[in-house]
Amino acid sequence: VYLSPDAKDLLETVDADTMYVIGGIVDLRARGTAWSLPKANALGIKTARLPIREHLPRATNQILNIDTVLKLLLEKYAGKDWPA
């Protein structure tokens, strides 16, 4: 599953048998551009996004650091709910 802030589907669960791709953008000029979703779609990879809008509606930035995404995935895998 390619994680993209622009994906339509929400990541509801984290499965040990699924590989998750955490994309990263180094170039600050590329932020705000839907980069990962078109790339994943072109490769035929399933996409999903973290439910940031649903759990943090006041958050204006949907882009997270890679280490933050990894921490969230590990906590979800351990059985915790998404942060409220």
PDB file of N, CA and C in Angstrom:
ATOM      1  N   VAL A   1       0.857  -1.175   0.000  1.00  0.00           N
ATOM      2  CA  VAL A   1       0.000   0.000   0.000  1.00  0.00           C
ATOM      3  C   VAL A   1       0.900   1.234   0.000  1.00  0.00           C
ATOM      4  N   TYR A   2       0.714   2.064  -1.005  1.00  0.00           N
ATOM      5  CA  TYR A   2       1.480   3.307  -1.094  1.00  0.00           C
ATOM      6  C   TYR A   2       0.709   4.372  -0.321  1.00  0.00           C
ATOM      7  N   LEU A   3       1.314   4.893   0.740  1.00  0.00           N
ATOM      8  CA  LEU A   3       0.655   5.917   1.549  1.00  0.00           C
ATOM      9  C   LEU A   3       0.823   7.279   0.896  1.00  0.00           C
ATOM     10  N   SER A   4      -0.301   7.909   0.642  1.00  0.00           N
ATOM     11  CA  SER A   4      -0.310   9.213  -0.006  1.00  0.00           C
ATOM     12  C   SER A   4      -1.360  10.096   0.655  1.00  0.00           C
ATOM     13  N   PRO A   5      -1.024  11.333   0.990  1.00  0.00           N
ATOM     14  CA  PRO A   5      -2.026  12.228   1.581  1.00  0.00           C
ATOM     15  C   PRO A   5      -3.155  12.566   0.609  1.00  0.00           C
ATOM     16  N   ASP A   6      -2.964  12.251  -0.677  1.00  0.00           N
ATOM     17  CA  ASP A   6      -3.961  12.552  -1.696  1.00  0.00           C
ATOM     18  C   ASP A   6      -4.858  11.362  -2.031  1.00  0.00           C
ATOM     19  N   ALA A   7      -4.617  10.205  -1.410  1.00  0.00           N
ATOM     20  CA  ALA A   7      -5.393   9.003  -1.708  1.00  0.00           C
ATOM     21  C   ALA A   7      -6.837   9.153  -1.247  1.00  0.00           C
ATOM     22  N   LYS A   8      -7.734   8.470  -1.941  1.00  0.00           N
ATOM     23  CA  LYS A   8      -9.158   8.500  -1.608  1.00  0.00           C
ATOM     24  C   LYS A   8      -9.462   7.581  -0.431  1.00  0.00           C
ATOM     25  N   ASP A   9      -8.865   6.393  -0.421  1.00  0.00           N
ATOM     26  CA  ASP A   9      -9.150   5.394   0.611  1.00  0.00           C
ATOM     27  C   ASP A   9      -8.382   5.678   1.893  1.00  0.00           C
ATOM     28  N   LEU A  10      -9.044   5.418   3.024  1.00  0.00           N
ATOM     29  CA  LEU A  10      -8.419   5.578   4.333  1.00  0.00           C
ATOM     30  C   LEU A  10      -7.710   4.296   4.738  1.00  0.00           C
ATOM     31  N   LEU A  11      -6.605   4.442   5.420  1.00  0.00           N
ATOM     32  CA  LEU A  11      -5.926   3.293   5.997  1.00  0.00           C
ATOM     33  C   LEU A  11      -6.599   3.008   7.339  1.00  0.00           C
ATOM     34  N   GLU A  12      -7.383   1.948   7.376  1.00  0.00           N
ATOM     35  CA  GLU A  12      -8.149   1.608   8.583  1.00  0.00           C
ATOM     36  C   GLU A  12      -7.361   0.710   9.522  1.00  0.00           C
ATOM     37  N   THR A  13      -6.609  -0.235   8.953  1.00  0.00           N
ATOM     38  CA  THR A  13      -5.848  -1.184   9.761  1.00  0.00           C
ATOM     39  C   THR A  13      -4.438  -1.311   9.204  1.00  0.00           C
ATOM     40  N   VAL A  14      -3.546  -1.812  10.038  1.00  0.00           N
ATOM     41  CA  VAL A  14      -2.178  -2.089   9.623  1.00  0.00           C
ATOM     42  C   VAL A  14      -1.984  -3.593   9.762  1.00  0.00           C
ATOM     43  N   ASP A  15      -1.633  -4.226   8.655  1.00  0.00           N
ATOM     44  CA  ASP A  15      -1.542  -5.678   8.578  1.00  0.00           C
ATOM     45  C   ASP A  15      -0.083  -6.101   8.439  1.00  0.00           C
ATOM     46  N   ALA A  16       0.308  -7.131   9.190  1.00  0.00           N
ATOM     47  CA  ALA A  16       1.692  -7.615   9.154  1.00  0.00           C
ATOM     48  C   ALA A  16       2.071  -8.188   7.796  1.00  0.00           C
ATOM     49  N   ASP A  17       1.108  -8.631   7.015  1.00  0.00           N
ATOM     50  CA  ASP A  17       1.382  -9.237   5.714  1.00  0.00           C
ATOM     51  C   ASP A  17       1.348  -8.235   4.560  1.00  0.00           C
ATOM     52  N   THR A  18       1.212  -6.974   4.874  1.00  0.00           N
ATOM     53  CA  THR A  18       1.136  -5.928   3.850  1.00  0.00           C
ATOM     54  C   THR A  18       2.375  -5.057   3.912  1.00  0.00           C
ATOM     55  N   MET A  19       2.910  -4.712   2.749  1.00  0.00           N
ATOM     56  CA  MET A  19       4.038  -3.795   2.680  1.00  0.00           C
ATOM     57  C   MET A  19       3.500  -2.378   2.496  1.00  0.00           C
ATOM     58  N   TYR A  20       4.010  -1.460   3.282  1.00  0.00           N
ATOM     59  CA  TYR A  20       3.590  -0.061   3.213  1.00  0.00           C
ATOM     60  C   TYR A  20       4.759   0.772   2.697  1.00  0.00           C
ATOM     61  N   VAL A  21       4.472   1.607   1.720  1.00  0.00           N
ATOM     62  CA  VAL A  21       5.470   2.506   1.156  1.00  0.00           C
ATOM     63  C   VAL A  21       5.182   3.902   1.688  1.00  0.00           C
ATOM     64  N   ILE A  22       6.172   4.465   2.371  1.00  0.00           N
ATOM     65  CA  ILE A  22       6.050   5.826   2.891  1.00  0.00           C
ATOM     66  C   ILE A  22       6.858   6.716   1.964  1.00  0.00           C
ATOM     67  N   GLY A  23       6.169   7.527   1.191  1.00  0.00           N
ATOM     68  CA  GLY A  23       6.855   8.415   0.262  1.00  0.00           C
ATOM     69  C   GLY A  23       7.454   9.600   0.995  1.00  0.00           C
ATOM     70  N   GLY A  24       8.486  10.150   0.428  1.00  0.00           N
ATOM     71  CA  GLY A  24       9.113  11.334   1.008  1.00  0.00           C
ATOM     72  C   GLY A  24       9.451  12.333  -0.066  1.00  0.00           C
ATOM     73  N   ILE A  25       9.259  13.595   0.237  1.00  0.00           N
ATOM     74  CA  ILE A  25       9.575  14.661  -0.716  1.00  0.00           C
ATOM     75  C   ILE A  25      10.701  15.490  -0.113  1.00  0.00           C
ATOM     76  N   VAL A  26      11.795  15.550  -0.810  1.00  0.00           N
ATOM     77  CA  VAL A  26      12.938  16.302  -0.327  1.00  0.00           C
ATOM     78  C   VAL A  26      12.851  17.752  -0.789  1.00  0.00           C
ATOM     79  N   ASP A  27      12.374  17.971  -1.979  1.00  0.00           N
ATOM     80  CA  ASP A  27      12.306  19.302  -2.570  1.00  0.00           C
ATOM     81  C   ASP A  27      11.107  20.061  -2.005  1.00  0.00           C
ATOM     82  N   LEU A  28      11.344  21.106  -1.273  1.00  0.00           N
ATOM     83  CA  LEU A  28      10.260  21.886  -0.660  1.00  0.00           C
ATOM     84  C   LEU A  28       9.344  22.511  -1.706  1.00  0.00           C
ATOM     85  N   ARG A  29       9.855  22.753  -2.904  1.00  0.00           N
ATOM     86  CA  ARG A  29       9.018  23.347  -3.952  1.00  0.00           C
ATOM     87  C   ARG A  29       7.942  22.378  -4.417  1.00  0.00           C
ATOM     88  N   ALA A  30       8.141  21.083  -4.180  1.00  0.00           N
ATOM     89  CA  ALA A  30       7.177  20.070  -4.631  1.00  0.00           C
ATOM     90  C   ALA A  30       6.012  19.903  -3.661  1.00  0.00           C
ATOM     91  N   ARG A  31       6.113  20.444  -2.467  1.00  0.00           N
ATOM     92  CA  ARG A  31       5.019  20.310  -1.514  1.00  0.00           C
ATOM     93  C   ARG A  31       3.779  21.011  -2.045  1.00  0.00           C
ATOM     94  N   GLY A  32       2.650  20.396  -1.780  1.00  0.00           N
ATOM     95  CA  GLY A  32       1.399  20.932  -2.292  1.00  0.00           C
ATOM     96  C   GLY A  32       1.050  20.353  -3.648  1.00  0.00           C
ATOM     97  N   THR A  33       1.986  19.607  -4.230  1.00  0.00           N
ATOM     98  CA  THR A  33       1.759  18.962  -5.515  1.00  0.00           C
ATOM     99  C   THR A  33       1.438  17.494  -5.273  1.00  0.00           C
ATOM    100  N   ALA A  34       0.375  17.005  -5.890  1.00  0.00           N
ATOM    101  CA  ALA A  34       0.026  15.588  -5.760  1.00  0.00           C
ATOM    102  C   ALA A  34       1.050  14.776  -6.543  1.00  0.00           C
ATOM    103  N   TRP A  35       2.085  14.309  -5.872  1.00  0.00           N
ATOM    104  CA  TRP A  35       3.159  13.587  -6.530  1.00  0.00           C
ATOM    105  C   TRP A  35       3.028  12.081  -6.358  1.00  0.00           C
ATOM    106  N   SER A  36       2.794  11.641  -5.128  1.00  0.00           N
ATOM    107  CA  SER A  36       2.820  10.205  -4.841  1.00  0.00           C
ATOM    108  C   SER A  36       1.617   9.454  -5.416  1.00  0.00           C
ATOM    109  N   LEU A  37       0.456  10.047  -5.401  1.00  0.00           N
ATOM    110  CA  LEU A  37      -0.739   9.364  -5.887  1.00  0.00           C
ATOM    111  C   LEU A  37      -0.658   9.032  -7.378  1.00  0.00           C
ATOM    112  N   PRO A  38      -0.335   9.983  -8.250  1.00  0.00           N
ATOM    113  CA  PRO A  38      -0.219   9.631  -9.674  1.00  0.00           C
ATOM    114  C   PRO A  38       0.860   8.580  -9.929  1.00  0.00           C
ATOM    115  N   LYS A  39       1.956   8.646  -9.187  1.00  0.00           N
ATOM    116  CA  LYS A  39       3.040   7.679  -9.361  1.00  0.00           C
ATOM    117  C   LYS A  39       2.561   6.278  -8.975  1.00  0.00           C
ATOM    118  N   ALA A  40       1.916   6.151  -7.835  1.00  0.00           N
ATOM    119  CA  ALA A  40       1.411   4.849  -7.386  1.00  0.00           C
ATOM    120  C   ALA A  40       0.355   4.314  -8.346  1.00  0.00           C
ATOM    121  N   ASN A  41      -0.549   5.182  -8.788  1.00  0.00           N
ATOM    122  CA  ASN A  41      -1.587   4.760  -9.739  1.00  0.00           C
ATOM    123  C   ASN A  41      -0.975   4.276 -11.049  1.00  0.00           C
ATOM    124  N   ALA A  42       0.051   4.959 -11.529  1.00  0.00           N
ATOM    125  CA  ALA A  42       0.707   4.560 -12.769  1.00  0.00           C
ATOM    126  C   ALA A  42       1.366   3.188 -12.639  1.00  0.00           C
ATOM    127  N   LEU A  43       1.807   2.864 -11.421  1.00  0.00           N
ATOM    128  CA  LEU A  43       2.445   1.572 -11.181  1.00  0.00           C
ATOM    129  C   LEU A  43       1.439   0.487 -10.785  1.00  0.00           C
ATOM    130  N   GLY A  44       0.166   0.860 -10.639  1.00  0.00           N
ATOM    131  CA  GLY A  44      -0.862  -0.099 -10.260  1.00  0.00           C
ATOM    132  C   GLY A  44      -0.805  -0.519  -8.803  1.00  0.00           C
ATOM    133  N   ILE A  45      -0.281   0.345  -7.945  1.00  0.00           N
ATOM    134  CA  ILE A  45      -0.145   0.043  -6.522  1.00  0.00           C
ATOM    135  C   ILE A  45      -1.356   0.602  -5.773  1.00  0.00           C
ATOM    136  N   LYS A  46      -1.913  -0.190  -4.860  1.00  0.00           N
ATOM    137  CA  LYS A  46      -3.018   0.267  -4.026  1.00  0.00           C
ATOM    138  C   LYS A  46      -2.537   1.449  -3.186  1.00  0.00           C
ATOM    139  N   THR A  47      -3.418   2.432  -2.999  1.00  0.00           N
ATOM    140  CA  THR A  47      -3.057   3.617  -2.221  1.00  0.00           C
ATOM    141  C   THR A  47      -4.019   3.792  -1.050  1.00  0.00           C
ATOM    142  N   ALA A  48      -3.544   4.481  -0.043  1.00  0.00           N
ATOM    143  CA  ALA A  48      -4.370   4.832   1.115  1.00  0.00           C
ATOM    144  C   ALA A  48      -3.743   6.036   1.788  1.00  0.00           C
ATOM    145  N   ARG A  49      -4.543   6.693   2.587  1.00  0.00           N
ATOM    146  CA  ARG A  49      -4.025   7.836   3.348  1.00  0.00           C
ATOM    147  C   ARG A  49      -4.333   7.628   4.817  1.00  0.00           C
ATOM    148  N   LEU A  50      -3.535   8.241   5.660  1.00  0.00           N
ATOM    149  CA  LEU A  50      -3.814   8.226   7.088  1.00  0.00           C
ATOM    150  C   LEU A  50      -5.035   9.100   7.347  1.00  0.00           C
ATOM    151  N   PRO A  51      -5.867   8.760   8.306  1.00  0.00           N
ATOM    152  CA  PRO A  51      -7.097   9.528   8.550  1.00  0.00           C
ATOM    153  C   PRO A  51      -6.862  10.815   9.345  1.00  0.00           C
ATOM    154  N   ILE A  52      -5.993  11.650   8.834  1.00  0.00           N
ATOM    155  CA  ILE A  52      -5.659  12.899   9.527  1.00  0.00           C
ATOM    156  C   ILE A  52      -6.850  13.855   9.512  1.00  0.00           C
ATOM    157  N   ARG A  53      -7.471  14.015   8.364  1.00  0.00           N
ATOM    158  CA  ARG A  53      -8.619  14.942   8.267  1.00  0.00           C
ATOM    159  C   ARG A  53      -9.754  14.550   9.196  1.00  0.00           C
ATOM    160  N   GLU A  54      -9.953  13.250   9.364  1.00  0.00           N
ATOM    161  CA  GLU A  54     -11.053  12.756  10.195  1.00  0.00           C
ATOM    162  C   GLU A  54     -10.760  12.898  11.688  1.00  0.00           C
ATOM    163  N   HIS A  55      -9.497  12.751  12.075  1.00  0.00           N
ATOM    164  CA  HIS A  55      -9.149  12.783  13.498  1.00  0.00           C
ATOM    165  C   HIS A  55      -8.536  14.102  13.945  1.00  0.00           C
ATOM    166  N   LEU A  56      -8.013  14.856  13.011  1.00  0.00           N
ATOM    167  CA  LEU A  56      -7.437  16.171  13.310  1.00  0.00           C
ATOM    168  C   LEU A  56      -7.964  17.184  12.299  1.00  0.00           C
ATOM    169  N   PRO A  57      -9.264  17.495  12.368  1.00  0.00           N
ATOM    170  CA  PRO A  57      -9.860  18.352  11.330  1.00  0.00           C
ATOM    171  C   PRO A  57      -9.266  19.756  11.258  1.00  0.00           C
ATOM    172  N   ARG A  58      -8.636  20.212  12.314  1.00  0.00           N
ATOM    173  CA  ARG A  58      -8.058  21.568  12.296  1.00  0.00           C
ATOM    174  C   ARG A  58      -6.654  21.598  11.710  1.00  0.00           C
ATOM    175  N   ALA A  59      -6.093  20.419  11.469  1.00  0.00           N
ATOM    176  CA  ALA A  59      -4.744  20.359  10.896  1.00  0.00           C
ATOM    177  C   ALA A  59      -4.777  20.898   9.468  1.00  0.00           C
ATOM    178  N   THR A  60      -3.943  21.850   9.189  1.00  0.00           N
ATOM    179  CA  THR A  60      -3.898  22.439   7.855  1.00  0.00           C
ATOM    180  C   THR A  60      -2.900  21.723   6.954  1.00  0.00           C
ATOM    181  N   ASN A  61      -1.976  20.980   7.555  1.00  0.00           N
ATOM    182  CA  ASN A  61      -0.950  20.289   6.789  1.00  0.00           C
ATOM    183  C   ASN A  61      -1.176  18.786   6.881  1.00  0.00           C
ATOM    184  N   GLN A  62      -1.366  18.140   5.748  1.00  0.00           N
ATOM    185  CA  GLN A  62      -1.578  16.690   5.700  1.00  0.00           C
ATOM    186  C   GLN A  62      -0.270  15.934   5.492  1.00  0.00           C
ATOM    187  N   ILE A  63       0.835  16.649   5.359  1.00  0.00           N
ATOM    188  CA  ILE A  63       2.131  16.025   5.110  1.00  0.00           C
ATOM    189  C   ILE A  63       2.855  15.864   6.441  1.00  0.00           C
ATOM    190  N   LEU A  64       3.259  14.624   6.728  1.00  0.00           N
ATOM    191  CA  LEU A  64       3.941  14.310   7.973  1.00  0.00           C
ATOM    192  C   LEU A  64       5.368  13.864   7.691  1.00  0.00           C
ATOM    193  N   ASN A  65       6.230  14.001   8.703  1.00  0.00           N
ATOM    194  CA  ASN A  65       7.580  13.463   8.599  1.00  0.00           C
ATOM    195  C   ASN A  65       7.504  11.942   8.501  1.00  0.00           C
ATOM    196  N   ILE A  66       8.495  11.360   7.851  1.00  0.00           N
ATOM    197  CA  ILE A  66       8.518   9.904   7.685  1.00  0.00           C
ATOM    198  C   ILE A  66       8.534   9.207   9.036  1.00  0.00           C
ATOM    199  N   ASP A  67       9.316   9.716   9.998  1.00  0.00           N
ATOM    200  CA  ASP A  67       9.376   9.072  11.307  1.00  0.00           C
ATOM    201  C   ASP A  67       8.039   9.143  12.042  1.00  0.00           C
ATOM    202  N   THR A  68       7.273  10.194  11.833  1.00  0.00           N
ATOM    203  CA  THR A  68       5.949  10.315  12.442  1.00  0.00           C
ATOM    204  C   THR A  68       4.995   9.290  11.843  1.00  0.00           C
ATOM    205  N   VAL A  69       5.042   9.112  10.524  1.00  0.00           N
ATOM    206  CA  VAL A  69       4.188   8.129   9.859  1.00  0.00           C
ATOM    207  C   VAL A  69       4.535   6.728  10.354  1.00  0.00           C
ATOM    208  N   LEU A  70       5.819   6.425  10.453  1.00  0.00           N
ATOM    209  CA  LEU A  70       6.239   5.111  10.925  1.00  0.00           C
ATOM    210  C   LEU A  70       5.752   4.866  12.356  1.00  0.00           C
ATOM    211  N   LYS A  71       5.876   5.855  13.205  1.00  0.00           N
ATOM    212  CA  LYS A  71       5.403   5.730  14.589  1.00  0.00           C
ATOM    213  C   LYS A  71       3.894   5.459  14.625  1.00  0.00           C
ATOM    214  N   LEU A  72       3.135   6.186  13.827  1.00  0.00           N
ATOM    215  CA  LEU A  72       1.684   5.975  13.770  1.00  0.00           C
ATOM    216  C   LEU A  72       1.342   4.571  13.284  1.00  0.00           C
ATOM    217  N   LEU A  73       2.052   4.091  12.264  1.00  0.00           N
ATOM    218  CA  LEU A  73       1.817   2.742  11.755  1.00  0.00           C
ATOM    219  C   LEU A  73       2.116   1.687  12.819  1.00  0.00           C
ATOM    220  N   LEU A  74       3.224   1.853  13.528  1.00  0.00           N
ATOM    221  CA  LEU A  74       3.590   0.903  14.574  1.00  0.00           C
ATOM    222  C   LEU A  74       2.582   0.899  15.718  1.00  0.00           C
ATOM    223  N   GLU A  75       2.107   2.075  16.095  1.00  0.00           N
ATOM    224  CA  GLU A  75       1.113   2.158  17.172  1.00  0.00           C
ATOM    225  C   GLU A  75      -0.210   1.537  16.740  1.00  0.00           C
ATOM    226  N   LYS A  76      -0.599   1.772  15.501  1.00  0.00           N
ATOM    227  CA  LYS A  76      -1.847   1.177  14.989  1.00  0.00           C
ATOM    228  C   LYS A  76      -1.706  -0.343  14.920  1.00  0.00           C
ATOM    229  N   TYR A  77      -0.553  -0.830  14.482  1.00  0.00           N
ATOM    230  CA  TYR A  77      -0.302  -2.259  14.414  1.00  0.00           C
ATOM    231  C   TYR A  77      -0.355  -2.883  15.810  1.00  0.00           C
ATOM    232  N   ALA A  78       0.078  -2.149  16.823  1.00  0.00           N
ATOM    233  CA  ALA A  78       0.074  -2.637  18.203  1.00  0.00           C
ATOM    234  C   ALA A  78      -1.319  -2.622  18.814  1.00  0.00           C
ATOM    235  N   GLY A  79      -2.322  -2.146  18.064  1.00  0.00           N
ATOM    236  CA  GLY A  79      -3.692  -2.195  18.534  1.00  0.00           C
ATOM    237  C   GLY A  79      -4.263  -0.880  19.032  1.00  0.00           C
ATOM    238  N   LYS A  80      -3.483   0.181  18.954  1.00  0.00           N
ATOM    239  CA  LYS A  80      -3.988   1.477  19.406  1.00  0.00           C
ATOM    240  C   LYS A  80      -4.902   2.091  18.354  1.00  0.00           C
ATOM    241  N   ASP A  81      -5.808   2.938  18.798  1.00  0.00           N
ATOM    242  CA  ASP A  81      -6.676   3.661  17.880  1.00  0.00           C
ATOM    243  C   ASP A  81      -5.914   4.846  17.309  1.00  0.00           C
ATOM    244  N   TRP A  82      -6.437   5.378  16.207  1.00  0.00           N
ATOM    245  CA  TRP A  82      -5.850   6.592  15.653  1.00  0.00           C
ATOM    246  C   TRP A  82      -6.003   7.701  16.683  1.00  0.00           C
ATOM    247  N   PRO A  83      -5.008   8.577  16.811  1.00  0.00           N
ATOM    248  CA  PRO A  83      -5.109   9.673  17.792  1.00  0.00           C
ATOM    249  C   PRO A  83      -6.315  10.554  17.517  1.00  0.00           C
ATOM    250  N   ALA A  84      -6.933  11.012  18.580  1.00  0.00           N
ATOM    251  CA  ALA A  84      -8.091  11.906  18.444  1.00  0.00           C
ATOM    252  C   ALA A  84      -7.676  13.340  18.615  1.00  0.00           C
TER     253      ALA A  84
END
